[in-house]
Amino acid sequence: MKTLTKRPSNEDFLFPIRTTSKAGGDVSGSRPGMLDMVGRAKYDGWAKLKGMSKDDCYEEICGESEARC
């Protein structure tokens, strides 16, 4: 296991959440309120991938995981 030398960016933290959520389908529902910052970040990350196919999403997950190892 690698030891991190610095804290990963918020984008790096949200990558697995948004891509696995996207693999289940496009974002639905309303955007969370402004006081739910974590929920909004997850929703926005998921919404960025709108229209991406399930296969493309899985390829992105695999490619990013290999790049981080």
PDB file of N, CA and C in Angstrom:
ATOM      1  N   MET A   1       0.841  -1.175   0.000  1.00  0.00           N
ATOM      2  CA  MET A   1       0.000   0.000   0.000  1.00  0.00           C
ATOM      3  C   MET A   1       0.884   1.234   0.000  1.00  0.00           C
ATOM      4  N   LYS A   2       0.493   2.226  -0.791  1.00  0.00           N
ATOM      5  CA  LYS A   2       1.246   3.473  -0.866  1.00  0.00           C
ATOM      6  C   LYS A   2       0.814   4.419   0.238  1.00  0.00           C
ATOM      7  N   THR A   3       1.751   5.229   0.680  1.00  0.00           N
ATOM      8  CA  THR A   3       1.455   6.264   1.658  1.00  0.00           C
ATOM      9  C   THR A   3       1.315   7.587   0.912  1.00  0.00           C
ATOM     10  N   LEU A   4       0.288   8.316   1.223  1.00  0.00           N
ATOM     11  CA  LEU A   4       0.063   9.598   0.570  1.00  0.00           C
ATOM     12  C   LEU A   4       0.992  10.658   1.141  1.00  0.00           C
ATOM     13  N   THR A   5       1.583  11.449   0.260  1.00  0.00           N
ATOM     14  CA  THR A   5       2.456  12.532   0.706  1.00  0.00           C
ATOM     15  C   THR A   5       1.679  13.836   0.886  1.00  0.00           C
ATOM     16  N   LYS A   6       0.524  13.923   0.223  1.00  0.00           N
ATOM     17  CA  LYS A   6      -0.336  15.094   0.397  1.00  0.00           C
ATOM     18  C   LYS A   6      -1.789  14.647   0.265  1.00  0.00           C
ATOM     19  N   ARG A   7      -2.687  15.479   0.758  1.00  0.00           N
ATOM     20  CA  ARG A   7      -4.116  15.163   0.705  1.00  0.00           C
ATOM     21  C   ARG A   7      -4.606  15.235  -0.741  1.00  0.00           C
ATOM     22  N   PRO A   8      -5.322  14.206  -1.193  1.00  0.00           N
ATOM     23  CA  PRO A   8      -5.878  14.260  -2.549  1.00  0.00           C
ATOM     24  C   PRO A   8      -6.902  15.392  -2.675  1.00  0.00           C
ATOM     25  N   SER A   9      -7.086  15.853  -3.894  1.00  0.00           N
ATOM     26  CA  SER A   9      -8.054  16.925  -4.140  1.00  0.00           C
ATOM     27  C   SER A   9      -9.477  16.404  -3.959  1.00  0.00           C
ATOM     28  N   ASN A  10     -10.405  17.306  -3.811  1.00  0.00           N
ATOM     29  CA  ASN A  10     -11.811  16.918  -3.705  1.00  0.00           C
ATOM     30  C   ASN A  10     -12.268  16.165  -4.946  1.00  0.00           C
ATOM     31  N   GLU A  11     -11.746  16.560  -6.109  1.00  0.00           N
ATOM     32  CA  GLU A  11     -12.086  15.879  -7.365  1.00  0.00           C
ATOM     33  C   GLU A  11     -11.642  14.410  -7.315  1.00  0.00           C
ATOM     34  N   ASP A  12     -10.465  14.164  -6.732  1.00  0.00           N
ATOM     35  CA  ASP A  12      -9.986  12.788  -6.596  1.00  0.00           C
ATOM     36  C   ASP A  12     -10.866  11.978  -5.644  1.00  0.00           C
ATOM     37  N   PHE A  13     -11.347  12.614  -4.595  1.00  0.00           N
ATOM     38  CA  PHE A  13     -12.237  11.930  -3.664  1.00  0.00           C
ATOM     39  C   PHE A  13     -13.577  11.597  -4.320  1.00  0.00           C
ATOM     40  N   LEU A  14     -14.072  12.506  -5.151  1.00  0.00           N
ATOM     41  CA  LEU A  14     -15.386  12.320  -5.760  1.00  0.00           C
ATOM     42  C   LEU A  14     -15.371  11.415  -6.985  1.00  0.00           C
ATOM     43  N   PHE A  15     -14.190  11.162  -7.539  1.00  0.00           N
ATOM     44  CA  PHE A  15     -14.110  10.351  -8.754  1.00  0.00           C
ATOM     45  C   PHE A  15     -14.821   9.005  -8.622  1.00  0.00           C
ATOM     46  N   PRO A  16     -14.525   8.186  -7.606  1.00  0.00           N
ATOM     47  CA  PRO A  16     -15.216   6.886  -7.533  1.00  0.00           C
ATOM     48  C   PRO A  16     -16.714   7.015  -7.298  1.00  0.00           C
ATOM     49  N   ILE A  17     -17.131   8.020  -6.578  1.00  0.00           N
ATOM     50  CA  ILE A  17     -18.552   8.204  -6.295  1.00  0.00           C
ATOM     51  C   ILE A  17     -19.307   8.562  -7.567  1.00  0.00           C
ATOM     52  N   ARG A  18     -18.793   9.545  -8.312  1.00  0.00           N
ATOM     53  CA  ARG A  18     -19.529   9.985  -9.496  1.00  0.00           C
ATOM     54  C   ARG A  18     -19.526   8.939 -10.597  1.00  0.00           C
ATOM     55  N   THR A  19     -18.414   8.219 -10.781  1.00  0.00           N
ATOM     56  CA  THR A  19     -18.373   7.253 -11.868  1.00  0.00           C
ATOM     57  C   THR A  19     -19.202   6.014 -11.568  1.00  0.00           C
ATOM     58  N   THR A  20     -19.187   5.540 -10.338  1.00  0.00           N
ATOM     59  CA  THR A  20     -20.012   4.376 -10.022  1.00  0.00           C
ATOM     60  C   THR A  20     -21.483   4.750  -9.994  1.00  0.00           C
ATOM     61  N   SER A  21     -21.809   5.960  -9.574  1.00  0.00           N
ATOM     62  CA  SER A  21     -23.191   6.421  -9.622  1.00  0.00           C
ATOM     63  C   SER A  21     -23.657   6.536 -11.061  1.00  0.00           C
ATOM     64  N   LYS A  22     -22.793   7.050 -11.917  1.00  0.00           N
ATOM     65  CA  LYS A  22     -23.126   7.218 -13.329  1.00  0.00           C
ATOM     66  C   LYS A  22     -23.346   5.869 -13.994  1.00  0.00           C
ATOM     67  N   ALA A  23     -22.612   4.860 -13.585  1.00  0.00           N
ATOM     68  CA  ALA A  23     -22.776   3.527 -14.173  1.00  0.00           C
ATOM     69  C   ALA A  23     -24.200   3.021 -13.955  1.00  0.00           C
ATOM     70  N   GLY A  24     -24.877   3.538 -12.943  1.00  0.00           N
ATOM     71  CA  GLY A  24     -26.257   3.162 -12.669  1.00  0.00           C
ATOM     72  C   GLY A  24     -27.265   3.955 -13.474  1.00  0.00           C
ATOM     73  N   GLY A  25     -26.836   5.003 -14.157  1.00  0.00           N
ATOM     74  CA  GLY A  25     -27.740   5.823 -14.969  1.00  0.00           C
ATOM     75  C   GLY A  25     -27.476   7.305 -14.773  1.00  0.00           C
ATOM     76  N   ASP A  26     -28.189   8.123 -15.541  1.00  0.00           N
ATOM     77  CA  ASP A  26     -28.033   9.573 -15.436  1.00  0.00           C
ATOM     78  C   ASP A  26     -28.599  10.091 -14.117  1.00  0.00           C
ATOM     79  N   VAL A  27     -28.115  11.238 -13.715  1.00  0.00           N
ATOM     80  CA  VAL A  27     -28.564  11.874 -12.487  1.00  0.00           C
ATOM     81  C   VAL A  27     -30.062  12.188 -12.590  1.00  0.00           C
ATOM     82  N   SER A  28     -30.751  12.060 -11.478  1.00  0.00           N
ATOM     83  CA  SER A  28     -32.173  12.374 -11.458  1.00  0.00           C
ATOM     84  C   SER A  28     -32.498  13.109 -10.160  1.00  0.00           C
ATOM     85  N   GLY A  29     -33.658  13.707 -10.111  1.00  0.00           N
ATOM     86  CA  GLY A  29     -34.050  14.436  -8.911  1.00  0.00           C
ATOM     87  C   GLY A  29     -33.516  15.849  -8.920  1.00  0.00           C
ATOM     88  N   SER A  30     -33.823  16.562  -7.870  1.00  0.00           N
ATOM     89  CA  SER A  30     -33.379  17.951  -7.785  1.00  0.00           C
ATOM     90  C   SER A  30     -32.034  18.040  -7.077  1.00  0.00           C
ATOM     91  N   ARG A  31     -31.320  19.126  -7.364  1.00  0.00           N
ATOM     92  CA  ARG A  31     -30.013  19.362  -6.767  1.00  0.00           C
ATOM     93  C   ARG A  31     -30.202  19.662  -5.281  1.00  0.00           C
ATOM     94  N   PRO A  32     -29.362  19.073  -4.403  1.00  0.00           N
ATOM     95  CA  PRO A  32     -29.478  19.336  -2.962  1.00  0.00           C
ATOM     96  C   PRO A  32     -29.312  20.822  -2.642  1.00  0.00           C
ATOM     97  N   GLY A  33     -29.847  21.232  -1.501  1.00  0.00           N
ATOM     98  CA  GLY A  33     -29.783  22.625  -1.072  1.00  0.00           C
ATOM     99  C   GLY A  33     -28.374  23.098  -0.785  1.00  0.00           C
ATOM    100  N   MET A  34     -28.213  24.421  -0.650  1.00  0.00           N
ATOM    101  CA  MET A  34     -26.873  24.996  -0.500  1.00  0.00           C
ATOM    102  C   MET A  34     -26.201  24.631   0.826  1.00  0.00           C
ATOM    103  N   LEU A  35     -26.926  24.194   1.802  1.00  0.00           N
ATOM    104  CA  LEU A  35     -26.308  23.804   3.069  1.00  0.00           C
ATOM    105  C   LEU A  35     -25.775  22.370   3.043  1.00  0.00           C
ATOM    106  N   ASP A  36     -26.191  21.595   2.058  1.00  0.00           N
ATOM    107  CA  ASP A  36     -25.701  20.224   1.897  1.00  0.00           C
ATOM    108  C   ASP A  36     -24.558  20.232   0.881  1.00  0.00           C
ATOM    109  N   MET A  37     -23.378  20.704   1.316  1.00  0.00           N
ATOM    110  CA  MET A  37     -22.250  20.871   0.406  1.00  0.00           C
ATOM    111  C   MET A  37     -21.749  19.549  -0.165  1.00  0.00           C
ATOM    112  N   VAL A  38     -21.734  18.504   0.646  1.00  0.00           N
ATOM    113  CA  VAL A  38     -21.269  17.201   0.179  1.00  0.00           C
ATOM    114  C   VAL A  38     -22.253  16.644  -0.856  1.00  0.00           C
ATOM    115  N   GLY A  39     -23.532  16.731  -0.542  1.00  0.00           N
ATOM    116  CA  GLY A  39     -24.550  16.259  -1.475  1.00  0.00           C
ATOM    117  C   GLY A  39     -24.517  16.996  -2.802  1.00  0.00           C
ATOM    118  N   ARG A  40     -24.297  18.309  -2.735  1.00  0.00           N
ATOM    119  CA  ARG A  40     -24.213  19.111  -3.958  1.00  0.00           C
ATOM    120  C   ARG A  40     -23.001  18.715  -4.783  1.00  0.00           C
ATOM    121  N   ALA A  41     -21.865  18.497  -4.128  1.00  0.00           N
ATOM    122  CA  ALA A  41     -20.649  18.113  -4.847  1.00  0.00           C
ATOM    123  C   ALA A  41     -20.837  16.758  -5.533  1.00  0.00           C
ATOM    124  N   LYS A  42     -21.468  15.815  -4.842  1.00  0.00           N
ATOM    125  CA  LYS A  42     -21.734  14.510  -5.440  1.00  0.00           C
ATOM    126  C   LYS A  42     -22.688  14.640  -6.623  1.00  0.00           C
ATOM    127  N   TYR A  43     -23.751  15.404  -6.437  1.00  0.00           N
ATOM    128  CA  TYR A  43     -24.743  15.606  -7.494  1.00  0.00           C
ATOM    129  C   TYR A  43     -24.098  16.266  -8.708  1.00  0.00           C
ATOM    130  N   ASP A  44     -23.318  17.316  -8.482  1.00  0.00           N
ATOM    131  CA  ASP A  44     -22.677  18.036  -9.587  1.00  0.00           C
ATOM    132  C   ASP A  44     -21.686  17.149 -10.336  1.00  0.00           C
ATOM    133  N   GLY A  45     -20.918  16.349  -9.589  1.00  0.00           N
ATOM    134  CA  GLY A  45     -19.977  15.435 -10.228  1.00  0.00           C
ATOM    135  C   GLY A  45     -20.689  14.405 -11.085  1.00  0.00           C
ATOM    136  N   TRP A  46     -21.811  13.921 -10.597  1.00  0.00           N
ATOM    137  CA  TRP A  46     -22.605  12.936 -11.330  1.00  0.00           C
ATOM    138  C   TRP A  46     -23.231  13.579 -12.564  1.00  0.00           C
ATOM    139  N   ALA A  47     -23.691  14.813 -12.421  1.00  0.00           N
ATOM    140  CA  ALA A  47     -24.329  15.521 -13.525  1.00  0.00           C
ATOM    141  C   ALA A  47     -23.336  15.827 -14.649  1.00  0.00           C
ATOM    142  N   LYS A  48     -22.051  15.997 -14.331  1.00  0.00           N
ATOM    143  CA  LYS A  48     -21.029  16.257 -15.348  1.00  0.00           C
ATOM    144  C   LYS A  48     -20.937  15.115 -16.351  1.00  0.00           C
ATOM    145  N   LEU A  49     -21.285  13.927 -15.920  1.00  0.00           N
ATOM    146  CA  LEU A  49     -21.152  12.748 -16.772  1.00  0.00           C
ATOM    147  C   LEU A  49     -22.431  12.410 -17.523  1.00  0.00           C
ATOM    148  N   LYS A  50     -23.410  13.292 -17.478  1.00  0.00           N
ATOM    149  CA  LYS A  50     -24.693  13.026 -18.118  1.00  0.00           C
ATOM    150  C   LYS A  50     -24.497  12.709 -19.601  1.00  0.00           C
ATOM    151  N   GLY A  51     -25.114  11.636 -20.050  1.00  0.00           N
ATOM    152  CA  GLY A  51     -25.012  11.229 -21.445  1.00  0.00           C
ATOM    153  C   GLY A  51     -23.904  10.218 -21.720  1.00  0.00           C
ATOM    154  N   MET A  52     -23.000  10.006 -20.775  1.00  0.00           N
ATOM    155  CA  MET A  52     -21.922   9.033 -20.960  1.00  0.00           C
ATOM    156  C   MET A  52     -22.503   7.621 -20.857  1.00  0.00           C
ATOM    157  N   SER A  53     -22.053   6.734 -21.737  1.00  0.00           N
ATOM    158  CA  SER A  53     -22.573   5.372 -21.703  1.00  0.00           C
ATOM    159  C   SER A  53     -22.004   4.604 -20.510  1.00  0.00           C
ATOM    160  N   LYS A  54     -22.686   3.545 -20.137  1.00  0.00           N
ATOM    161  CA  LYS A  54     -22.267   2.719 -19.009  1.00  0.00           C
ATOM    162  C   LYS A  54     -20.884   2.114 -19.274  1.00  0.00           C
ATOM    163  N   ASP A  55     -20.650   1.646 -20.503  1.00  0.00           N
ATOM    164  CA  ASP A  55     -19.357   1.054 -20.854  1.00  0.00           C
ATOM    165  C   ASP A  55     -18.230   2.075 -20.776  1.00  0.00           C
ATOM    166  N   ASP A  56     -18.477   3.291 -21.280  1.00  0.00           N
ATOM    167  CA  ASP A  56     -17.460   4.349 -21.198  1.00  0.00           C
ATOM    168  C   ASP A  56     -17.140   4.692 -19.749  1.00  0.00           C
ATOM    169  N   CYS A  57     -18.152   4.650 -18.921  1.00  0.00           N
ATOM    170  CA  CYS A  57     -17.971   4.954 -17.506  1.00  0.00           C
ATOM    171  C   CYS A  57     -17.078   3.901 -16.848  1.00  0.00           C
ATOM    172  N   TYR A  58     -17.338   2.631 -17.128  1.00  0.00           N
ATOM    173  CA  TYR A  58     -16.515   1.563 -16.566  1.00  0.00           C
ATOM    174  C   TYR A  58     -15.078   1.642 -17.079  1.00  0.00           C
ATOM    175  N   GLU A  59     -14.902   2.023 -18.358  1.00  0.00           N
ATOM    176  CA  GLU A  59     -13.549   2.185 -18.898  1.00  0.00           C
ATOM    177  C   GLU A  59     -12.809   3.306 -18.173  1.00  0.00           C
ATOM    178  N   GLU A  60     -13.511   4.383 -17.879  1.00  0.00           N
ATOM    179  CA  GLU A  60     -12.891   5.497 -17.150  1.00  0.00           C
ATOM    180  C   GLU A  60     -12.479   5.057 -15.745  1.00  0.00           C
ATOM    181  N   ILE A  61     -13.328   4.275 -15.088  1.00  0.00           N
ATOM    182  CA  ILE A  61     -13.012   3.784 -13.747  1.00  0.00           C
ATOM    183  C   ILE A  61     -11.750   2.928 -13.791  1.00  0.00           C
ATOM    184  N   CYS A  62     -11.688   1.993 -14.736  1.00  0.00           N
ATOM    185  CA  CYS A  62     -10.534   1.092 -14.843  1.00  0.00           C
ATOM    186  C   CYS A  62      -9.267   1.855 -15.203  1.00  0.00           C
ATOM    187  N   GLY A  63      -9.376   2.778 -16.152  1.00  0.00           N
ATOM    188  CA  GLY A  63      -8.211   3.556 -16.573  1.00  0.00           C
ATOM    189  C   GLY A  63      -7.661   4.428 -15.466  1.00  0.00           C
ATOM    190  N   GLU A  64      -8.533   5.064 -14.721  1.00  0.00           N
ATOM    191  CA  GLU A  64      -8.106   5.932 -13.621  1.00  0.00           C
ATOM    192  C   GLU A  64      -7.505   5.101 -12.494  1.00  0.00           C
ATOM    193  N   SER A  65      -8.072   3.941 -12.229  1.00  0.00           N
ATOM    194  CA  SER A  65      -7.552   3.082 -11.158  1.00  0.00           C
ATOM    195  C   SER A  65      -6.148   2.600 -11.504  1.00  0.00           C
ATOM    196  N   GLU A  66      -5.922   2.240 -12.762  1.00  0.00           N
ATOM    197  CA  GLU A  66      -4.592   1.791 -13.176  1.00  0.00           C
ATOM    198  C   GLU A  66      -3.587   2.927 -13.085  1.00  0.00           C
ATOM    199  N   ALA A  67      -4.002   4.135 -13.422  1.00  0.00           N
ATOM    200  CA  ALA A  67      -3.106   5.288 -13.376  1.00  0.00           C
ATOM    201  C   ALA A  67      -2.682   5.623 -11.951  1.00  0.00           C
ATOM    202  N   ARG A  68      -3.520   5.329 -10.982  1.00  0.00           N
ATOM    203  CA  ARG A  68      -3.227   5.650  -9.585  1.00  0.00           C
ATOM    204  C   ARG A  68      -2.366   4.603  -8.902  1.00  0.00           C
ATOM    205  N   CYS A  69      -2.217   3.443  -9.512  1.00  0.00           N
ATOM    206  CA  CYS A  69      -1.432   2.362  -8.880  1.00  0.00           C
ATOM    207  C   CYS A  69       0.003   2.398  -9.299  1.00  0.00           C
TER     208      CYS A  69
END
